Amino acid sequence: MTGPMNDDSLTIDLDDGGAIVVHGDIDMAGGPVLEAAILQHESDADRGQLVIDLEDVSFIDSSGLRSLLGASRRARGRGGDVVLRSVGPEVARLLEITGTTSQFVIASHRG
């Protein structure tokens, strides 16, 4: 990923360790921004493991889930995983309700 990506409600950048760091709401407008960032990051390097930091995410809907699940399918196809870091109750609840928690490695939760 060459630089930060954003829309009005979502900003995405990379931390020093190469994790995708998401700030804001992953909704109908933000889902495609997240998808583009993930695809660009995947094409920039051949990584087995993709880390997505969700500490600053306060809302996620089905479009955000679709982006995360697509990343998980592609990572598993490469023999890797998508690691979700600093998962908040909003994201955890959506994963639980949809039965998709097992598609990810949950590295840490936040309150």
Protein backbone atom coordinates (compact mmCIF):
# COMPACT_ATOMS: atom_id res chain seq x y z
CA MET A 1 0.00 0.00 0.00
CA THR A 2 1.53 3.26 -1.05
CA GLY A 3 -0.17 5.61 1.42
CA PRO A 4 -3.22 6.15 3.56
CA MET A 5 -6.62 5.43 2.05
CA ASN A 6 -9.83 7.01 3.27
CA ASP A 7 -13.35 8.18 2.77
CA ASP A 8 -15.45 10.41 5.03
CA SER A 9 -15.92 7.79 7.76
CA LEU A 10 -12.90 5.51 7.35
CA THR A 11 -9.12 5.89 7.24
CA ILE A 12 -6.70 3.06 6.57
CA ASP A 13 -2.92 3.03 6.80
CA LEU A 14 -0.05 0.67 7.58
CA ASP A 15 1.83 0.49 10.85
CA ASP A 16 5.58 -0.06 11.06
CA GLY A 17 5.07 -3.84 11.20
CA GLY A 18 3.05 -3.91 7.98
CA ALA A 19 -0.37 -4.36 9.60
CA ILE A 20 -3.37 -2.69 8.00
CA VAL A 21 -4.71 -0.24 10.60
CA VAL A 22 -8.37 0.71 10.26
CA HIS A 23 -9.86 3.85 11.86
CA GLY A 24 -13.59 4.59 11.80
CA ASP A 25 -16.72 2.86 10.56
CA ILE A 26 -16.67 -0.03 8.12
CA ASP A 27 -20.05 0.52 6.53
CA MET A 28 -21.45 0.53 3.00
CA ALA A 29 -19.16 3.43 2.08
CA GLY A 30 -16.13 2.17 4.01
CA GLY A 31 -16.33 -1.49 2.97
CA PRO A 32 -15.03 -0.85 -0.56
CA VAL A 33 -12.22 1.32 0.85
CA LEU A 34 -11.18 -1.53 3.14
CA GLU A 35 -11.41 -4.00 0.26
CA ALA A 36 -9.18 -1.81 -1.94
CA ALA A 37 -6.62 -1.40 0.84
CA ILE A 38 -6.50 -5.14 1.51
CA LEU A 39 -6.13 -5.98 -2.19
CA GLN A 40 -3.39 -3.38 -2.65
CA HIS A 41 -1.53 -4.63 0.42
CA GLU A 42 -1.81 -8.23 -0.77
CA SER A 43 -0.39 -7.30 -4.16
CA ASP A 44 2.48 -5.26 -2.68
CA ALA A 45 4.00 -8.31 -1.01
CA ASP A 46 3.53 -12.05 -0.95
CA ARG A 47 2.51 -12.48 2.67
CA GLY A 48 1.28 -15.68 4.24
CA GLN A 49 -0.26 -13.76 7.11
CA LEU A 50 -2.27 -10.54 6.83
CA VAL A 51 -2.73 -8.54 10.04
CA ILE A 52 -5.65 -6.12 10.31
CA ASP A 53 -5.79 -3.86 13.37
CA LEU A 54 -9.37 -2.96 14.30
CA GLU A 55 -8.75 -1.04 17.53
CA ASP A 56 -10.37 2.16 16.24
CA VAL A 57 -13.36 0.46 14.57
CA SER A 58 -16.63 1.28 16.30
CA PHE A 59 -19.03 -0.07 13.65
CA ILE A 60 -18.92 -2.80 11.01
CA ASP A 61 -21.66 -4.06 8.71
CA SER A 62 -21.99 -6.82 6.12
CA SER A 63 -19.89 -4.96 3.54
CA GLY A 64 -16.98 -4.85 5.97
CA LEU A 65 -17.48 -8.50 6.83
CA ARG A 66 -17.48 -9.37 3.12
CA SER A 67 -14.10 -7.62 2.72
CA LEU A 68 -12.62 -9.48 5.69
CA LEU A 69 -13.96 -12.84 4.53
CA GLY A 70 -12.61 -12.29 1.02
CA ALA A 71 -9.18 -11.55 2.50
CA SER A 72 -9.42 -14.71 4.61
CA ARG A 73 -10.27 -16.88 1.58
CA ARG A 74 -7.36 -15.47 -0.40
CA ALA A 75 -4.94 -15.86 2.53
CA ARG A 76 -6.00 -19.47 3.09
CA GLY A 77 -5.48 -20.09 -0.62
CA ARG A 78 -1.87 -18.96 -0.10
CA GLY A 79 -1.53 -21.13 3.00
CA GLY A 80 -1.85 -18.18 5.39
CA ASP A 81 -4.32 -16.50 7.69
CA VAL A 82 -5.94 -13.16 8.35
CA VAL A 83 -5.12 -12.05 11.88
CA LEU A 84 -7.56 -9.61 13.46
CA ARG A 85 -5.90 -7.52 16.14
CA SER A 86 -7.60 -5.44 18.85
CA VAL A 87 -11.06 -6.73 18.02
CA GLY A 88 -13.77 -4.75 19.77
CA PRO A 89 -17.20 -5.94 20.86
CA GLU A 90 -18.81 -4.59 17.68
CA VAL A 91 -16.68 -6.75 15.40
CA ALA A 92 -16.69 -9.75 17.74
CA ARG A 93 -20.50 -9.71 17.88
CA LEU A 94 -20.83 -9.63 14.08
CA LEU A 95 -18.40 -12.54 13.73
CA GLU A 96 -20.27 -14.53 16.36
CA ILE A 97 -23.74 -13.83 14.91
CA THR A 98 -22.63 -14.80 11.41
CA GLY A 99 -20.65 -17.86 12.53
CA THR A 100 -17.48 -16.59 10.85
CA THR A 101 -15.14 -16.28 13.85
CA SER A 102 -13.29 -19.44 12.80
CA GLN A 103 -12.30 -17.82 9.48
CA PHE A 104 -9.80 -15.59 11.33
CA VAL A 105 -7.06 -15.71 13.90
CA ILE A 106 -8.14 -13.36 16.68
CA ALA A 107 -4.90 -11.98 18.12
CA SER A 108 -6.39 -9.76 20.80
CA HIS A 109 -9.61 -8.24 22.06
CA ARG A 110 -10.23 -4.79 23.44
CA GLY A 111 -12.88 -3.83 26.01
